[in-house]
N, C-alpha and C. Protein backbone atom coordinates (compact mmCIF):
# COMPACT_ATOMS: atom_id res chain seq x y z
N MET A 1 -43.36 75.64 -29.95
CA MET A 1 -43.03 74.53 -28.77
C MET A 1 -43.73 73.78 -29.48
N ASN A 2 -42.63 72.59 -29.16
CA ASN A 2 -41.94 71.21 -29.86
C ASN A 2 -41.34 69.91 -28.30
N LYS A 3 -41.90 70.82 -27.03
CA LYS A 3 -41.46 69.78 -26.38
C LYS A 3 -42.16 68.06 -26.30
N LYS A 4 -41.68 67.23 -26.12
CA LYS A 4 -42.16 66.01 -26.24
C LYS A 4 -42.45 65.47 -24.92
N GLU A 5 -41.16 66.66 -23.50
CA GLU A 5 -41.29 65.84 -22.24
C GLU A 5 -40.67 66.99 -21.38
N ILE A 6 -41.44 67.05 -19.87
CA ILE A 6 -40.36 67.93 -19.47
C ILE A 6 -40.36 66.32 -18.42
N SER A 7 -38.55 67.30 -18.17
CA SER A 7 -37.84 66.47 -17.51
C SER A 7 -36.75 67.20 -16.93
N LYS A 8 -36.74 66.84 -14.97
CA LYS A 8 -36.28 67.01 -14.92
C LYS A 8 -34.87 66.77 -13.52
N GLU A 9 -33.73 66.62 -12.55
CA GLU A 9 -33.45 66.18 -11.65
C GLU A 9 -33.84 67.21 -10.37
N ILE A 10 -33.69 66.59 -9.36
CA ILE A 10 -34.11 67.68 -8.06
C ILE A 10 -33.75 67.25 -6.41
N ASN A 11 -33.59 67.80 -5.74
CA ASN A 11 -32.32 67.39 -5.30
C ASN A 11 -32.63 68.05 -3.46
N TYR A 12 -33.87 67.32 -2.63
CA TYR A 12 -33.90 67.66 -1.28
C TYR A 12 -33.60 66.27 -0.08
N LYS A 13 -33.30 66.99 0.84
CA LYS A 13 -32.08 66.68 1.94
C LYS A 13 -31.53 65.62 1.23
N GLY A 14 -30.68 65.39 0.56
CA GLY A 14 -29.77 64.52 0.27
C GLY A 14 -30.81 63.09 -1.25
N HIS A 15 -31.48 63.29 -0.78
CA HIS A 15 -32.69 62.89 -2.69
C HIS A 15 -32.23 63.06 -3.45
N THR A 16 -32.52 62.28 -4.22
CA THR A 16 -32.13 63.06 -5.72
C THR A 16 -33.32 62.17 -6.56
N LYS A 17 -33.61 62.46 -7.67
CA LYS A 17 -35.12 61.92 -8.15
C LYS A 17 -35.21 62.64 -9.67
N LYS A 18 -34.90 61.96 -10.04
CA LYS A 18 -35.24 62.24 -11.67
C LYS A 18 -36.92 62.47 -11.90
N PHE A 19 -37.16 63.58 -12.47
CA PHE A 19 -39.13 63.08 -12.59
C PHE A 19 -39.47 63.63 -14.31
N LYS A 20 -39.86 62.83 -14.85
CA LYS A 20 -40.20 63.14 -16.53
C LYS A 20 -41.45 62.53 -16.66
N VAL A 21 -42.48 63.80 -17.36
CA VAL A 21 -43.44 63.62 -18.12
C VAL A 21 -43.83 64.41 -19.09
N GLU A 22 -44.34 63.16 -19.70
CA GLU A 22 -44.49 63.79 -21.15
C GLU A 22 -46.26 64.41 -21.39
N ILE A 23 -45.30 65.29 -22.40
CA ILE A 23 -46.42 66.49 -22.76
C ILE A 23 -46.90 65.83 -23.92
N GLU A 24 -48.91 66.02 -23.71
CA GLU A 24 -49.76 64.53 -24.75
C GLU A 24 -49.37 66.40 -26.08
N GLN A 25 -49.28 64.94 -27.28
CA GLN A 25 -48.72 66.22 -28.59
C GLN A 25 -50.08 66.17 -29.19
N LEU A 26 -50.01 67.39 -30.33
CA LEU A 26 -51.30 67.86 -31.15
C LEU A 26 -50.98 67.26 -32.50
N PRO A 27 -51.71 66.92 -33.08
CA PRO A 27 -51.20 66.39 -34.67
C PRO A 27 -50.87 67.64 -35.29
N PRO A 28 -50.07 67.40 -36.62
CA PRO A 28 -48.97 68.81 -36.83
C PRO A 28 -50.12 69.81 -37.48
N PHE A 29 -48.95 70.64 -37.11
CA PHE A 29 -50.53 71.97 -37.89
C PHE A 29 -51.01 72.09 -39.40
N ASN A 30 -52.42 72.62 -39.76
CA ASN A 30 -52.99 72.39 -41.08
C ASN A 30 -53.22 73.84 -40.91
N GLU A 31 -52.94 74.19 -42.14
CA GLU A 31 -53.77 75.29 -42.09
C GLU A 31 -54.50 76.08 -42.70
N LYS A 32 -55.22 74.79 -44.10
CA LYS A 32 -55.92 74.23 -43.91
C LYS A 32 -57.39 74.61 -43.21
N THR A 33 -57.12 73.39 -42.04
CA THR A 33 -58.60 73.06 -41.67
C THR A 33 -58.30 73.73 -39.50
N MET A 34 -57.21 74.02 -39.56
CA MET A 34 -56.93 75.20 -38.10
C MET A 34 -56.85 76.11 -38.17
N ASP A 35 -57.08 76.87 -36.86
CA ASP A 35 -56.95 78.02 -37.34
C ASP A 35 -55.76 78.72 -35.80
N LYS A 36 -54.33 78.86 -36.51
CA LYS A 36 -53.32 78.92 -35.80
C LYS A 36 -53.56 79.77 -34.43
N VAL A 37 -53.73 80.40 -34.23
CA VAL A 37 -54.50 81.20 -32.67
C VAL A 37 -54.39 79.58 -32.01
N LYS A 38 -56.07 79.35 -31.82
CA LYS A 38 -56.30 78.48 -31.37
C LYS A 38 -55.50 76.70 -31.35
N TYR A 39 -54.35 76.94 -32.40
CA TYR A 39 -53.76 76.08 -32.03
C TYR A 39 -52.58 76.01 -30.83
N GLU A 40 -51.95 77.21 -31.07
CA GLU A 40 -51.02 77.47 -30.25
C GLU A 40 -51.75 78.04 -28.86
N GLU A 41 -53.15 78.10 -28.31
CA GLU A 41 -53.08 78.40 -26.89
C GLU A 41 -53.79 77.03 -26.36
N THR A 42 -53.76 75.68 -27.49
CA THR A 42 -54.08 74.45 -27.46
C THR A 42 -52.56 73.36 -26.77
N GLU A 43 -51.83 74.14 -27.01
CA GLU A 43 -49.99 73.73 -27.68
C GLU A 43 -50.07 73.98 -25.92
N ARG A 44 -50.42 75.67 -25.32
CA ARG A 44 -49.35 75.77 -25.05
C ARG A 44 -50.47 75.50 -23.31
N ALA A 45 -51.53 75.09 -23.70
CA ALA A 45 -52.23 74.51 -22.52
C ALA A 45 -51.72 73.30 -22.31
N LEU A 46 -51.64 72.33 -22.94
CA LEU A 46 -51.47 70.92 -22.74
C LEU A 46 -49.82 71.41 -21.81
N TYR A 47 -49.07 71.63 -22.58
CA TYR A 47 -47.82 71.99 -21.72
C TYR A 47 -48.17 72.62 -20.62
N LEU A 48 -49.20 73.49 -19.92
CA LEU A 48 -48.94 74.01 -18.56
C LEU A 48 -49.94 72.50 -17.98
N ILE A 49 -50.62 71.79 -18.11
CA ILE A 49 -51.15 70.54 -17.77
C ILE A 49 -49.59 69.64 -17.23
N ALA A 50 -49.21 69.53 -18.06
CA ALA A 50 -48.01 68.63 -17.37
C ALA A 50 -46.93 68.96 -16.61
N GLU A 51 -47.46 70.34 -16.68
CA GLU A 51 -46.29 70.97 -15.91
C GLU A 51 -47.22 71.16 -14.52
N GLU A 52 -48.15 71.27 -14.12
CA GLU A 52 -48.91 70.49 -13.23
C GLU A 52 -48.46 69.64 -12.68
N LYS A 53 -48.31 68.63 -13.55
CA LYS A 53 -48.16 67.07 -13.20
C LYS A 53 -47.15 66.88 -12.85
N PHE A 54 -45.67 67.47 -13.09
CA PHE A 54 -44.78 67.20 -12.73
C PHE A 54 -44.46 67.86 -11.35
N GLU A 55 -45.49 68.91 -11.17
CA GLU A 55 -45.34 69.85 -10.21
C GLU A 55 -45.98 68.91 -8.36
N ASN A 56 -47.04 68.24 -9.16
CA ASN A 56 -47.67 67.10 -8.63
C ASN A 56 -46.65 65.89 -8.62
N GLN A 57 -46.47 66.01 -8.62
CA GLN A 57 -45.21 64.65 -8.78
C GLN A 57 -43.57 64.67 -7.89
N LYS A 58 -43.53 66.25 -8.22
CA LYS A 58 -42.05 66.20 -7.33
C LYS A 58 -42.78 66.46 -5.27
N PHE A 59 -44.30 67.11 -5.08
CA PHE A 59 -44.80 68.03 -4.31
C PHE A 59 -44.56 66.19 -3.78
N GLU A 60 -45.43 65.57 -3.99
CA GLU A 60 -46.07 64.09 -3.41
C GLU A 60 -44.34 63.60 -2.75
N TRP A 61 -43.61 63.45 -4.02
CA TRP A 61 -42.22 62.73 -3.35
C TRP A 61 -41.68 63.21 -2.21
N ILE A 62 -41.49 64.78 -1.96
CA ILE A 62 -40.73 66.13 -1.67
C ILE A 62 -41.92 65.64 -0.12
N PHE A 63 -42.78 65.42 0.10
CA PHE A 63 -44.07 65.34 1.56
C PHE A 63 -43.70 63.61 1.77
N SER A 64 -43.48 62.98 0.69
CA SER A 64 -43.11 61.48 1.37
C SER A 64 -41.26 61.60 2.20
N ILE A 65 -40.86 61.81 1.34
CA ILE A 65 -39.20 62.36 2.35
C ILE A 65 -39.41 62.68 4.13
N GLU A 66 -40.66 63.82 3.60
CA GLU A 66 -40.88 64.20 4.90
C GLU A 66 -41.62 63.76 6.80
N LYS A 67 -42.34 63.07 5.60
CA LYS A 67 -43.10 61.21 5.64
C LYS A 67 -41.38 61.01 6.68
N GLU A 68 -41.03 60.21 5.79
CA GLU A 68 -40.17 59.43 6.17
C GLU A 68 -39.47 59.72 7.61
N LEU A 69 -38.94 61.33 7.31
CA LEU A 69 -37.53 62.48 8.11
C LEU A 69 -38.43 62.10 9.29
N GLN A 70 -39.59 62.55 9.21
CA GLN A 70 -40.64 62.62 11.20
C GLN A 70 -41.21 61.45 11.64
N GLN A 71 -40.20 59.90 10.71
CA GLN A 71 -40.62 58.91 11.86
C GLN A 71 -39.46 59.01 12.62
């Protein structure tokens, strides 16, 4: 997994927005000083954190649209 960001264009009730979240990067793997399994687990955890940030941004945007439509 070597992605640097999560980005996606979302459409909701006639509104469109492109979201982009950076994935925190680890230093390159060094087999002499790092455990491969732990490295991959940490890499996956950082991806999941970025994914959660992405979802939060998306839902905040959707809620702002809903609030605007209710007024």
